[in-house]
Amino acid sequence: MRIILTGDRGVGKTTVCRRVIEIARKKGLSCVGTITSQQGEDLLVEDISTGERRLLAVVAGSREIPDGIPSCHFLFSREGIEFGRGALRKEGDLLIIDEFGRLELTGRGFDNALAAFKKHRSAILVVRDILKDELLEKLDGVDLRVVEITERNREEAPREIFELACGDVNAH
């Protein structure tokens, strides 16, 4: 099943994704996609299948990225974006896209994210609450489930999300 994972900033959506990946791998499933994390002034993008990371963006004004793409509070690296796009082209049992943002909503950034999400039977796409409605409009007609991560449910959420996303895949 395709899952939209949403919640407030800092509630633990990325941590939930990492735990879902751990569960999936323990069950013998392959995981592909991207995890985005912030380290200081930098946003890093990780290829889930390899663990390799690249600079995705810097906080605007913190330093320059040659030929960078400005968006909201960040300046995005074209090299980091291409690295993420490559990670989203891979095949696996479970696809995770953490996270879908303004660039993707405007057809830039990881512009292949929605196509990858629609293609995979078992997929999790992370989006902040403030962008959820815009994303759902773009996914009108796609069979999916929206799960909100909160401080109350974030501990039990990884197992439940794994079962929702991979229940049918896990039977192979």
Protein backbone atom coordinates (compact mmCIF):
# COMPACT_ATOMS: atom_id res chain seq x y z
CA MET A 1 0.00 0.00 0.00
CA ARG A 2 1.05 3.59 -0.56
CA ILE A 3 1.27 5.69 2.60
CA ILE A 4 1.47 9.46 3.01
CA LEU A 5 3.25 10.13 6.30
CA THR A 6 2.58 13.57 7.69
CA GLY A 7 2.99 15.55 10.87
CA ASP A 8 4.38 18.71 12.36
CA ARG A 9 8.00 19.74 11.96
CA GLY A 10 10.28 17.85 14.38
CA VAL A 11 7.67 15.31 15.49
CA GLY A 12 9.78 12.34 14.34
CA LYS A 13 8.69 11.48 10.80
CA THR A 14 12.25 10.72 9.67
CA THR A 15 12.89 8.62 12.77
CA VAL A 16 9.72 6.64 12.03
CA CYS A 17 10.96 6.06 8.47
CA ARG A 18 14.33 4.82 9.71
CA ARG A 19 12.57 2.38 12.04
CA VAL A 20 10.31 1.13 9.25
CA ILE A 21 13.45 0.48 7.18
CA GLU A 22 14.97 -1.51 10.06
CA ILE A 23 11.82 -3.64 10.36
CA ALA A 24 11.66 -4.21 6.59
CA ARG A 25 15.29 -5.25 6.37
CA LYS A 26 14.91 -7.67 9.29
CA LYS A 27 12.08 -9.27 7.30
CA GLY A 28 14.38 -9.60 4.28
CA LEU A 29 12.87 -6.80 2.21
CA SER A 30 14.94 -4.39 0.12
CA CYS A 31 14.47 -0.67 0.74
CA VAL A 32 15.09 2.15 -1.73
CA GLY A 33 14.52 5.88 -1.83
CA THR A 34 15.74 8.89 0.08
CA ILE A 35 16.02 10.17 3.63
CA THR A 36 16.64 13.87 4.15
CA SER A 37 18.22 15.09 7.38
CA GLN A 38 19.52 18.39 8.68
CA GLN A 39 22.99 18.72 10.16
CA GLY A 40 23.63 22.23 11.33
CA GLU A 41 23.16 24.56 8.36
CA ASP A 42 23.17 21.68 5.85
CA LEU A 43 20.46 19.41 4.49
CA LEU A 44 21.79 16.01 3.47
CA VAL A 45 20.11 13.47 1.22
CA GLU A 46 20.78 9.77 1.80
CA ASP A 47 20.32 6.97 -0.71
CA ILE A 48 18.56 4.39 1.45
CA SER A 49 19.84 1.44 -0.57
CA THR A 50 23.52 2.35 -0.16
CA GLY A 51 23.67 4.64 2.88
CA GLU A 52 25.63 7.13 0.78
CA ARG A 53 24.94 10.82 1.50
CA ARG A 54 25.30 14.07 -0.43
CA LEU A 55 24.76 17.73 0.35
CA LEU A 56 21.23 18.61 -0.75
CA ALA A 57 20.97 22.21 0.44
CA VAL A 58 22.26 24.85 2.82
CA VAL A 59 20.34 27.39 4.86
CA ALA A 60 19.98 30.46 2.65
CA GLY A 61 22.70 32.97 3.38
CA SER A 62 24.90 30.54 5.32
CA ARG A 63 27.17 29.91 2.32
CA GLU A 64 27.04 29.79 -1.44
CA ILE A 65 26.40 26.81 -3.69
CA PRO A 66 27.49 27.47 -7.28
CA ASP A 67 24.41 27.42 -9.52
CA GLY A 68 22.20 26.75 -6.47
CA ILE A 69 18.40 26.71 -6.62
CA PRO A 70 16.73 28.98 -4.04
CA SER A 71 13.56 27.77 -2.31
CA CYS A 72 12.02 29.03 0.91
CA HIS A 73 14.81 29.08 3.49
CA PHE A 74 17.30 26.92 1.57
CA LEU A 75 19.66 27.01 -1.38
CA PHE A 76 19.59 23.63 -3.12
CA SER A 77 22.49 21.85 -4.80
CA ARG A 78 21.84 20.59 -8.33
CA GLU A 79 24.28 17.73 -7.67
CA GLY A 80 22.39 16.73 -4.52
CA ILE A 81 19.08 16.86 -6.35
CA GLU A 82 20.40 14.62 -9.15
CA PHE A 83 21.77 12.20 -6.55
CA GLY A 84 18.32 11.98 -4.94
CA ARG A 85 16.62 11.51 -8.30
CA GLY A 86 18.95 8.58 -8.95
CA ALA A 87 18.04 6.98 -5.63
CA LEU A 88 14.34 7.26 -6.54
CA ARG A 89 14.89 5.42 -9.84
CA LYS A 90 15.95 2.23 -8.05
CA GLU A 91 13.74 -0.82 -7.62
CA GLY A 92 13.04 -2.43 -4.26
CA ASP A 93 10.34 -3.95 -2.10
CA LEU A 94 9.72 -0.71 -0.19
CA LEU A 95 10.19 2.85 -1.43
CA ILE A 96 10.59 5.71 1.06
CA ILE A 97 10.67 9.36 0.04
CA ASP A 98 11.56 11.59 2.98
CA GLU A 99 10.56 14.29 2.29
CA PHE A 100 8.36 15.80 -0.41
CA GLY A 101 8.55 19.59 -0.32
CA ARG A 102 7.86 22.83 -2.16
CA LEU A 103 10.39 22.10 -4.92
CA GLU A 104 8.69 18.80 -5.73
CA LEU A 105 5.22 20.41 -5.64
CA THR A 106 6.39 22.80 -8.36
CA GLY A 107 7.88 20.03 -10.52
CA ARG A 108 11.48 20.72 -9.54
CA GLY A 109 13.75 19.04 -7.00
CA PHE A 110 13.11 15.30 -6.93
CA ASP A 111 10.72 15.75 -9.84
CA ASN A 112 10.46 11.98 -10.32
CA ALA A 113 9.17 11.44 -6.76
CA LEU A 114 5.46 11.25 -7.59
CA ALA A 115 6.03 8.88 -10.52
CA ALA A 116 8.15 6.62 -8.29
CA PHE A 117 5.53 6.74 -5.52
CA LYS A 118 2.74 5.81 -7.92
CA LYS A 119 4.81 2.99 -9.47
CA HIS A 120 5.75 1.17 -6.25
CA ARG A 121 3.08 -0.95 -4.58
CA SER A 122 4.68 -0.46 -1.17
CA ALA A 123 5.72 3.14 -0.68
CA ILE A 124 5.93 5.80 2.00
CA LEU A 125 6.05 9.48 1.10
CA VAL A 126 6.73 12.02 3.88
CA VAL A 127 5.22 15.49 3.67
CA ARG A 128 4.76 18.21 6.26
CA ASP A 129 1.19 18.99 7.32
CA ILE A 130 1.27 22.40 5.64
CA LEU A 131 1.86 20.81 2.21
CA LYS A 132 -0.35 17.74 2.61
CA ASP A 133 -3.47 19.08 0.88
CA GLU A 134 -1.52 20.28 -2.17
CA LEU A 135 0.14 16.88 -2.44
CA LEU A 136 -3.15 15.00 -2.10
CA GLU A 137 -4.58 17.06 -4.98
CA LYS A 138 -1.68 15.87 -7.17
CA LEU A 139 -2.37 12.27 -6.09
CA ASP A 140 -6.12 12.38 -6.69
CA GLY A 141 -7.25 8.91 -7.72
CA VAL A 142 -4.20 7.11 -6.28
CA ASP A 143 -5.04 4.42 -3.72
CA LEU A 144 -3.26 5.51 -0.55
CA ARG A 145 -3.59 5.99 3.18
CA VAL A 146 -2.63 9.11 5.16
CA VAL A 147 -0.99 8.52 8.55
CA GLU A 148 -0.26 11.44 10.86
CA ILE A 149 2.72 11.10 13.19
CA THR A 150 2.25 12.69 16.60
CA GLU A 151 4.15 12.62 19.85
CA ARG A 152 1.57 10.11 21.12
CA ASN A 153 1.78 7.57 18.29
CA ARG A 154 5.38 7.85 17.06
CA GLU A 155 6.65 4.92 19.14
CA GLU A 156 4.16 2.34 17.85
CA ALA A 157 3.81 3.91 14.38
CA PRO A 158 6.79 2.19 12.67
CA ARG A 159 5.41 -1.33 13.09
CA GLU A 160 1.88 -0.27 12.10
CA ILE A 161 3.14 1.63 9.05
CA PHE A 162 5.29 -1.32 8.00
CA GLU A 163 2.27 -3.63 8.19
CA LEU A 164 0.15 -1.19 6.17
CA ALA A 165 2.81 -0.59 3.52
CA CYS A 166 4.31 -4.06 3.25
CA GLY A 167 1.75 -6.55 4.50
CA ASP A 168 1.22 -8.02 1.04
CA VAL A 169 4.92 -7.81 0.08
CA ASN A 170 5.95 -9.48 3.34
CA ALA A 171 4.02 -12.60 2.31
CA HIS A 172 6.44 -13.32 -0.56
